[in-house]
Amino acid sequence: MRNEEMLLVPGPTPVIDAIYDAMASETRGHTDPRFVAIFKHAIEQTRQLFQTDGEVFVVAGSGTTAMEMALVNTVAAGEKVLVVSQGYFGDRFIQLGEAFGIEVDVLQSEWGKQVAPAAVEKKLATGQYKAVTITHADTSTGVAADLDALVPVVKKHGALVILDGVCATAAMEENMSKTYGHPDYKIDVVLTGSQKAIGVPPGLAIVAFNQAALAARKQLGRIPAYYCDINNWQPIMQDPGKYFATPPVNLIYAYEEGMKLVLAEGLSNRYVRHTAFGKAVRAALTEYGMKALAEEEAAASTLSCILYPDGVDDSAFRAALAKKGIIVAGALAHLAGKAFRIGHMGNTTEEMLKKAIELIGDTLNELGHPVDSAKAVERFNKEVLTSV
């Protein structure tokens, strides 16, 4: 792998040579039949990923672009949305909704904990909500949403389920054909980006709509969007040789290759692998007196927010670790300086994470916090073996 550093932030995630090589292919015109064939295959692979009965959209943009596409195409100004927030990125839907005149109510959990389904049930019973947004894995806290509990509650009250999968897609199950206790209880919209568990460089916004969500778009008529209006993109998703806005040609090459790798590994195998890696990383770090913000039953498979033991200086720790080639992220909001975030998703390997555990221990020792790196690595190995 040509990477000089081990990028273990919660995204972007490590890019492997096959994806780099695809991205470095010759740039062609976006209507060139050779590119059109690759784009078409990428779209087909995206449909396989989500198993939707509707449509998928793969466009140039960030995860925030995908969030905007999901919301503005399903909810009109004056309609109500309930935001189920388990961290910083769940809260982003508040500003998005307000920007489009949508009435937003929020259920916010304590950071590190899940929003209780009973609280969602109680809130939905008080008014008519068009949609409920759920962050599958919040990048700020490492908390995962309990979809088996939340989706039936939302659907029972007739609202659309909009799932933010930015830090979960291709690592945690987001099967839009899955039913949650009733044939009509399904996830309606999933949104994500290219740079996290899919393992491709940043720059693609990816959104999947089922038929119920597409019907909601049709009912809205004119919406306050142009680039983010799925009506403008739907003909292109059906025939990528058509034109609306120029696609990022080389990034589509990379995405098509990345999706080949995702599907070749098998989605069920990826879910097991990511679960095992997450548990093993969190267990190993407890040997250093560190603790995950999220309790294990609420922890995401893709990243962890790790609280420091007393006396560890965040800036000194991350800077010293970076000198060893391991890049982790600081914590956000009130946790800044008190925790770090480590990604364990996408193209990360068992060997990479094992090395990271070892070097985290070495760094703590250098900073005057004696720990046993060998014991932590042994714990990592044991947890991976029992989880796979």
Protein backbone atom coordinates (compact mmCIF):
# COMPACT_ATOMS: atom_id res chain seq x y z
CA MET A 1 0.00 0.00 0.00
CA ARG A 2 1.45 3.36 -1.02
CA ASN A 3 0.04 5.23 1.99
CA GLU A 4 2.80 6.71 4.15
CA GLU A 5 0.54 7.10 7.19
CA MET A 6 -2.13 4.99 8.79
CA LEU A 7 -5.27 7.14 8.59
CA LEU A 8 -7.47 6.02 11.47
CA VAL A 9 -9.73 9.03 11.78
CA PRO A 10 -13.50 8.50 11.45
CA GLY A 11 -13.20 9.45 7.77
CA PRO A 12 -11.65 9.76 5.31
CA THR A 13 -10.40 6.21 5.71
CA PRO A 14 -7.42 4.40 4.15
CA VAL A 15 -7.48 4.05 0.37
CA ILE A 16 -5.88 0.94 -1.08
CA ASP A 17 -3.76 0.72 -4.22
CA ALA A 18 -6.47 -0.79 -6.43
CA ILE A 19 -8.67 2.24 -5.77
CA TYR A 20 -5.78 4.68 -6.25
CA ASP A 21 -4.96 2.96 -9.53
CA ALA A 22 -8.57 3.19 -10.73
CA MET A 23 -8.69 6.88 -9.83
CA ALA A 24 -5.46 7.49 -11.74
CA SER A 25 -6.92 6.09 -14.97
CA GLU A 26 -7.11 8.37 -17.97
CA THR A 27 -9.75 11.05 -17.66
CA ARG A 28 -12.40 10.69 -20.34
CA GLY A 29 -15.37 12.76 -21.36
CA HIS A 30 -18.43 12.17 -19.24
CA THR A 31 -20.40 11.06 -22.32
CA ASP A 32 -17.65 8.71 -23.55
CA PRO A 33 -19.22 5.23 -23.81
CA ARG A 34 -16.31 3.75 -21.85
CA PHE A 35 -16.94 6.05 -18.91
CA VAL A 36 -20.72 5.67 -19.20
CA ALA A 37 -20.34 1.88 -18.83
CA ILE A 38 -18.30 2.32 -15.65
CA PHE A 39 -20.76 4.84 -14.20
CA LYS A 40 -23.68 2.55 -15.04
CA HIS A 41 -21.98 -0.33 -13.25
CA ALA A 42 -21.30 1.87 -10.22
CA ILE A 43 -25.00 2.74 -10.04
CA GLU A 44 -25.97 -0.93 -10.35
CA GLN A 45 -23.59 -1.81 -7.53
CA THR A 46 -25.15 0.91 -5.38
CA ARG A 47 -28.58 -0.63 -5.95
CA GLN A 48 -27.16 -3.98 -4.81
CA LEU A 49 -25.77 -2.34 -1.68
CA PHE A 50 -29.08 -0.85 -0.55
CA GLN A 51 -31.58 -3.29 -2.10
CA THR A 52 -34.10 -0.51 -2.65
CA ASP A 53 -37.23 -0.82 -4.78
CA GLY A 54 -36.77 2.83 -5.77
CA GLU A 55 -33.73 4.69 -7.05
CA VAL A 56 -30.17 5.53 -6.04
CA PHE A 57 -28.30 8.74 -6.72
CA VAL A 58 -24.51 9.04 -7.01
CA VAL A 59 -23.44 12.67 -7.47
CA ALA A 60 -20.49 14.94 -6.79
CA GLY A 61 -20.80 16.27 -3.25
CA SER A 62 -20.17 15.68 0.43
CA GLY A 63 -22.16 13.83 3.07
CA THR A 64 -23.83 17.14 3.81
CA THR A 65 -24.97 17.29 0.18
CA ALA A 66 -26.51 13.86 0.64
CA MET A 67 -28.26 15.02 3.82
CA GLU A 68 -29.71 17.99 1.96
CA MET A 69 -30.88 15.81 -0.93
CA ALA A 70 -32.59 13.43 1.47
CA LEU A 71 -34.45 16.18 3.30
CA VAL A 72 -35.39 18.69 0.60
CA ASN A 73 -36.83 15.96 -1.66
CA THR A 74 -39.16 14.53 0.98
CA VAL A 75 -40.26 17.35 3.29
CA ALA A 76 -41.79 20.72 2.39
CA ALA A 77 -41.56 24.05 4.16
CA GLY A 78 -43.99 24.09 7.07
CA GLU A 79 -44.01 20.31 7.46
CA LYS A 80 -42.58 18.69 10.58
CA VAL A 81 -39.47 16.59 11.01
CA LEU A 82 -38.30 14.85 14.15
CA VAL A 83 -34.52 14.67 14.48
CA VAL A 84 -33.28 11.75 16.56
CA SER A 85 -29.82 12.99 17.53
CA GLN A 86 -27.12 11.00 19.25
CA GLY A 87 -24.33 13.51 18.67
CA TYR A 88 -23.01 16.44 16.66
CA PHE A 89 -23.87 15.13 13.22
CA GLY A 90 -27.44 14.28 14.12
CA ASP A 91 -27.83 17.92 15.13
CA ARG A 92 -26.83 19.02 11.62
CA PHE A 93 -30.32 18.11 10.43
CA ILE A 94 -31.62 20.93 12.62
CA GLN A 95 -29.83 23.61 10.60
CA LEU A 96 -30.69 21.88 7.33
CA GLY A 97 -34.37 21.79 8.18
CA GLU A 98 -34.42 25.40 9.30
CA ALA A 99 -32.71 26.50 6.07
CA PHE A 100 -35.67 25.18 4.09
CA GLY A 101 -38.42 26.40 6.41
CA ILE A 102 -39.11 22.94 7.78
CA GLU A 103 -40.43 22.73 11.33
CA VAL A 104 -37.85 20.76 13.31
CA ASP A 105 -38.28 19.04 16.67
CA VAL A 106 -35.33 17.31 18.29
CA LEU A 107 -34.75 14.43 20.65
CA GLN A 108 -31.15 14.62 21.83
CA SER A 109 -29.53 11.90 23.88
CA GLU A 110 -26.77 12.42 26.37
CA TRP A 111 -23.53 12.02 24.41
CA GLY A 112 -22.52 8.37 24.52
CA LYS A 113 -26.06 7.09 24.90
CA GLN A 114 -28.90 6.18 22.53
CA VAL A 115 -32.22 7.99 22.25
CA ALA A 116 -34.80 5.72 23.87
CA PRO A 117 -37.46 4.33 21.48
CA ALA A 118 -40.10 5.14 24.12
CA ALA A 119 -39.13 8.82 23.91
CA VAL A 120 -39.50 8.70 20.12
CA GLU A 121 -42.91 7.03 20.49
CA LYS A 122 -44.06 9.70 22.94
CA LYS A 123 -42.88 12.54 20.70
CA LEU A 124 -44.45 11.12 17.53
CA ALA A 125 -47.78 10.79 19.32
CA THR A 126 -47.91 14.56 19.90
CA GLY A 127 -48.03 15.68 16.28
CA GLN A 128 -48.00 14.84 12.58
CA TYR A 129 -44.41 14.35 11.46
CA LYS A 130 -43.57 13.92 7.79
CA ALA A 131 -40.23 12.26 8.51
CA VAL A 132 -37.83 11.20 11.23
CA THR A 133 -34.06 11.47 10.74
CA ILE A 134 -31.84 8.89 12.40
CA THR A 135 -28.03 8.88 12.39
CA HIS A 136 -27.00 5.25 12.08
CA ALA A 137 -23.53 5.83 13.57
CA ASP A 138 -22.73 9.28 14.87
CA THR A 139 -19.17 10.28 13.94
CA SER A 140 -18.80 12.46 17.04
CA THR A 141 -19.79 9.93 19.70
CA GLY A 142 -19.42 6.45 18.23
CA VAL A 143 -23.03 5.69 19.17
CA ALA A 144 -25.09 3.44 16.88
CA ALA A 145 -28.85 3.71 16.49
CA ASP A 146 -31.00 0.67 17.29
CA LEU A 147 -32.89 0.39 14.00
CA ASP A 148 -34.79 -2.73 15.04
CA ALA A 149 -36.37 -0.68 17.83
CA LEU A 150 -36.70 2.70 16.12
CA VAL A 151 -37.95 1.88 12.61
CA PRO A 152 -41.20 0.19 13.74
CA VAL A 153 -42.00 3.10 16.04
CA VAL A 154 -41.52 5.64 13.27
CA LYS A 155 -43.43 3.68 10.63
CA LYS A 156 -46.33 2.98 12.98
CA HIS A 157 -46.90 6.75 13.07
CA GLY A 158 -46.80 7.07 9.28
CA ALA A 159 -43.53 9.00 9.00
CA LEU A 160 -40.70 8.44 6.57
CA VAL A 161 -37.47 7.00 7.96
CA ILE A 162 -34.45 9.01 6.74
CA LEU A 163 -31.27 7.21 7.75
CA ASP A 164 -27.93 9.01 7.83
CA GLY A 165 -25.51 6.22 6.93
CA VAL A 166 -22.45 8.39 6.34
CA CYS A 167 -20.40 6.56 8.99
CA ALA A 168 -22.16 3.20 8.65
CA THR A 169 -22.90 2.29 5.02
CA ALA A 170 -21.09 -0.86 3.84
CA ALA A 171 -20.15 -1.72 7.44
CA MET A 172 -23.51 -1.87 9.22
CA GLU A 173 -26.68 -3.33 7.69
CA GLU A 174 -28.83 -0.85 5.75
CA ASN A 175 -30.97 -3.19 3.69
CA MET A 176 -33.93 -1.17 2.42
CA SER A 177 -35.86 -4.32 1.49
CA LYS A 178 -35.77 -5.51 5.12
CA THR A 179 -39.06 -5.32 7.01
CA TYR A 180 -39.24 -4.38 10.67
CA GLY A 181 -42.22 -6.29 12.03
CA HIS A 182 -44.66 -5.36 9.23
CA PRO A 183 -44.45 -5.59 5.41
CA ASP A 184 -44.65 -1.79 5.10
CA TYR A 185 -42.15 -0.98 7.85
CA LYS A 186 -38.94 -0.26 5.93
CA ILE A 187 -36.21 2.36 5.76
CA ASP A 188 -37.29 4.94 3.18
CA VAL A 189 -34.11 6.94 2.52
CA VAL A 190 -30.44 6.18 3.17
CA LEU A 191 -27.76 8.78 2.60
CA THR A 192 -23.99 8.40 2.74
CA GLY A 193 -20.64 9.51 1.35
CA SER A 194 -17.80 7.76 -0.41
CA GLN A 195 -15.03 8.33 2.13
CA LYS A 196 -15.85 6.20 5.16
CA ALA A 197 -16.66 2.48 5.22
CA ILE A 198 -16.80 2.33 1.42
CA GLY A 199 -13.15 3.32 1.51
CA VAL A 200 -12.99 5.70 -1.46
CA PRO A 201 -11.62 9.29 -1.37
CA PRO A 202 -14.10 12.04 -0.40
CA GLY A 203 -16.28 13.71 -3.01
CA LEU A 204 -19.37 11.60 -3.69
CA ALA A 205 -22.82 12.06 -2.17
CA ILE A 206 -24.84 8.84 -2.35
CA VAL A 207 -28.56 8.65 -1.60
CA ALA A 208 -31.10 5.84 -1.97
CA PHE A 209 -34.89 6.39 -2.06
CA ASN A 210 -37.56 3.72 -1.90
CA GLN A 211 -40.89 4.01 -3.68
CA ALA A 212 -42.55 5.71 -0.70
CA ALA A 213 -39.83 8.37 -0.67
CA LEU A 214 -40.07 8.86 -4.43
CA ALA A 215 -43.84 9.29 -4.04
CA ALA A 216 -43.19 11.95 -1.41
CA ARG A 217 -40.96 13.80 -3.86
CA LYS A 218 -43.68 13.66 -6.52
CA GLN A 219 -46.25 15.10 -4.11
CA LEU A 220 -44.02 18.06 -3.29
CA GLY A 221 -44.02 19.42 -6.83
CA ARG A 222 -41.57 22.32 -7.06
CA ILE A 223 -38.88 22.31 -4.36
CA PRO A 224 -36.28 24.94 -3.30
CA ALA A 225 -33.39 23.12 -4.93
CA TYR A 226 -31.79 22.65 -8.33
CA TYR A 227 -28.60 20.63 -8.04
CA CYS A 228 -30.07 18.62 -5.14
CA ASP A 229 -33.42 17.98 -6.86
CA ILE A 230 -33.57 14.25 -7.54
CA ASN A 231 -35.96 14.90 -10.44
CA ASN A 232 -32.98 16.37 -12.28
CA TRP A 233 -30.81 13.37 -11.49
CA GLN A 234 -33.23 10.49 -12.01
CA PRO A 235 -32.86 10.39 -15.83
CA ILE A 236 -29.08 10.25 -15.42
CA MET A 237 -29.28 7.37 -12.95
CA GLN A 238 -31.38 5.48 -15.49
CA ASP A 239 -29.05 6.38 -18.36
CA PRO A 240 -25.65 7.82 -17.33
CA GLY A 241 -25.02 8.85 -20.93
CA LYS A 242 -27.46 11.71 -20.43
CA TYR A 243 -26.33 15.04 -19.01
CA PHE A 244 -27.41 17.19 -16.12
CA ALA A 245 -24.19 18.17 -14.34
CA THR A 246 -20.69 16.89 -15.04
CA PRO A 247 -19.88 13.86 -12.88
CA PRO A 248 -16.44 13.57 -11.21
CA VAL A 249 -15.11 11.10 -13.77
CA ASN A 250 -12.03 9.85 -11.96
CA LEU A 251 -13.82 9.61 -8.65
CA ILE A 252 -16.49 7.46 -10.29
CA TYR A 253 -13.67 5.17 -11.48
CA ALA A 254 -12.49 4.90 -7.87
CA TYR A 255 -16.01 4.36 -6.52
CA GLU A 256 -16.78 1.61 -9.02
CA GLU A 257 -13.58 -0.19 -7.95
CA GLY A 258 -14.33 0.36 -4.27
CA MET A 259 -17.81 -1.07 -4.67
CA LYS A 260 -16.37 -4.10 -6.46
CA LEU A 261 -14.31 -4.78 -3.34
CA VAL A 262 -17.26 -4.22 -1.01
CA LEU A 263 -19.50 -6.65 -2.87
CA ALA A 264 -16.73 -9.21 -3.44
CA GLU A 265 -16.11 -9.42 0.30
CA GLY A 266 -19.83 -9.85 0.86
CA LEU A 267 -22.00 -7.54 2.93
CA SER A 268 -22.64 -10.05 5.72
CA ASN A 269 -18.90 -10.73 5.98
CA ARG A 270 -18.23 -7.00 6.19
CA TYR A 271 -20.76 -6.57 8.99
CA VAL A 272 -19.09 -9.34 10.98
CA ARG A 273 -15.60 -7.95 10.34
CA HIS A 274 -16.48 -4.42 11.37
CA THR A 275 -18.24 -5.61 14.53
CA ALA A 276 -15.21 -7.69 15.45
CA PHE A 277 -12.75 -4.86 14.82
CA GLY A 278 -14.78 -2.38 16.86
CA LYS A 279 -15.08 -4.71 19.85
CA ALA A 280 -11.41 -5.65 19.70
CA VAL A 281 -10.15 -2.05 19.52
CA ARG A 282 -12.31 -0.93 22.42
CA ALA A 283 -11.37 -3.97 24.54
CA ALA A 284 -7.65 -3.55 23.84
CA LEU A 285 -7.68 0.12 24.80
CA THR A 286 -9.22 -0.67 28.19
CA GLU A 287 -5.85 -2.25 29.00
CA TYR A 288 -4.47 1.31 28.87
CA GLY A 289 -7.04 2.67 31.29
CA MET A 290 -9.05 4.10 28.40
CA LYS A 291 -12.81 3.80 28.06
CA ALA A 292 -15.17 4.13 25.11
CA LEU A 293 -17.75 6.90 25.44
CA ALA A 294 -20.49 4.55 24.23
CA GLU A 295 -21.42 1.45 26.19
CA GLU A 296 -20.69 -1.69 24.19
CA GLU A 297 -24.35 -2.44 23.44
CA ALA A 298 -24.71 1.02 21.87
CA ALA A 299 -21.29 1.21 20.20
CA ALA A 300 -20.87 1.62 16.45
CA SER A 301 -18.88 -0.89 14.43
CA THR A 302 -17.07 1.79 12.46
CA LEU A 303 -15.49 4.18 14.97
CA SER A 304 -15.02 4.71 18.67
CA CYS A 305 -14.75 7.82 20.81
CA ILE A 306 -12.19 6.97 23.50
CA LEU A 307 -11.93 8.84 26.81
CA TYR A 308 -8.42 9.46 28.10
CA PRO A 309 -7.29 8.36 31.55
CA ASP A 310 -6.43 11.19 33.91
CA GLY A 311 -3.32 13.14 33.03
CA VAL A 312 -3.05 12.43 29.31
CA ASP A 313 -2.65 15.59 27.24
CA ASP A 314 -4.70 15.26 24.05
CA SER A 315 -2.52 17.42 21.80
CA ALA A 316 0.73 15.84 22.98
CA PHE A 317 -0.69 12.33 22.61
CA ARG A 318 -2.03 12.78 19.09
CA ALA A 319 1.06 14.67 17.92
CA ALA A 320 3.41 11.97 19.25
CA LEU A 321 1.25 9.25 17.71
CA ALA A 322 1.24 11.08 14.38
CA LYS A 323 5.06 11.08 14.36
CA LYS A 324 4.80 7.28 14.40
CA GLY A 325 2.50 7.43 11.36
CA ILE A 326 -0.81 6.81 13.17
CA ILE A 327 -3.39 9.55 12.66
CA VAL A 328 -6.40 9.70 14.99
CA ALA A 329 -8.91 12.49 15.46
CA GLY A 330 -9.68 14.77 18.36
CA ALA A 331 -13.06 14.78 20.02
CA LEU A 332 -15.73 17.41 19.36
CA ALA A 333 -17.67 19.97 21.38
CA HIS A 334 -17.45 19.52 25.17
CA LEU A 335 -15.31 16.39 24.77
CA ALA A 336 -12.49 18.28 23.01
CA GLY A 337 -9.24 17.52 24.84
CA LYS A 338 -10.86 14.77 26.87
CA ALA A 339 -11.06 12.04 24.24
CA PHE A 340 -9.90 10.98 20.80
CA ARG A 341 -11.75 9.25 17.98
CA ILE A 342 -10.41 6.24 16.13
CA GLY A 343 -11.85 4.76 12.94
CA HIS A 344 -11.79 1.00 12.34
CA MET A 345 -13.67 0.70 9.07
CA GLY A 346 -13.47 0.36 5.33
CA ASN A 347 -10.10 -0.86 4.10
CA THR A 348 -8.50 -1.01 7.55
CA THR A 349 -7.05 -4.44 8.31
CA GLU A 350 -6.49 -6.50 11.42
CA GLU A 351 -2.73 -5.92 11.06
CA MET A 352 -3.18 -2.14 10.85
CA LEU A 353 -5.33 -1.97 13.95
CA LYS A 354 -3.02 -4.28 15.89
CA LYS A 355 -0.09 -2.02 15.03
CA ALA A 356 -2.08 1.02 16.09
CA ILE A 357 -2.83 -0.54 19.48
CA GLU A 358 0.86 -1.26 19.96
CA LEU A 359 1.96 2.27 19.02
CA ILE A 360 -0.73 3.88 21.18
CA GLY A 361 0.78 1.97 24.10
CA ASP A 362 4.30 3.03 23.14
CA THR A 363 3.15 6.65 22.97
CA LEU A 364 1.55 6.52 26.40
CA ASN A 365 4.75 5.07 27.84
CA GLU A 366 6.79 7.86 26.25
CA LEU A 367 4.46 10.46 27.76
CA GLY A 368 4.91 9.03 31.24
CA HIS A 369 1.83 6.83 31.50
CA PRO A 370 3.14 3.27 31.97
CA VAL A 371 1.11 0.60 30.14
CA ASP A 372 1.65 -2.93 28.81
CA SER A 373 1.45 -2.81 24.99
CA ALA A 374 1.93 -6.56 24.64
CA LYS A 375 -1.02 -7.27 26.91
CA ALA A 376 -3.25 -4.88 24.92
CA VAL A 377 -2.27 -6.49 21.61
CA GLU A 378 -2.97 -9.91 23.11
CA ARG A 379 -6.40 -8.67 24.18
CA PHE A 380 -7.03 -7.37 20.66
CA ASN A 381 -6.11 -10.73 19.14
CA LYS A 382 -8.34 -12.60 21.55
CA GLU A 383 -11.34 -10.36 20.90
CA VAL A 384 -11.00 -10.64 17.10
CA LEU A 385 -10.84 -14.44 17.32
CA THR A 386 -13.95 -14.67 19.49
CA SER A 387 -15.95 -12.15 17.45
CA VAL A 388 -15.36 -13.42 13.91
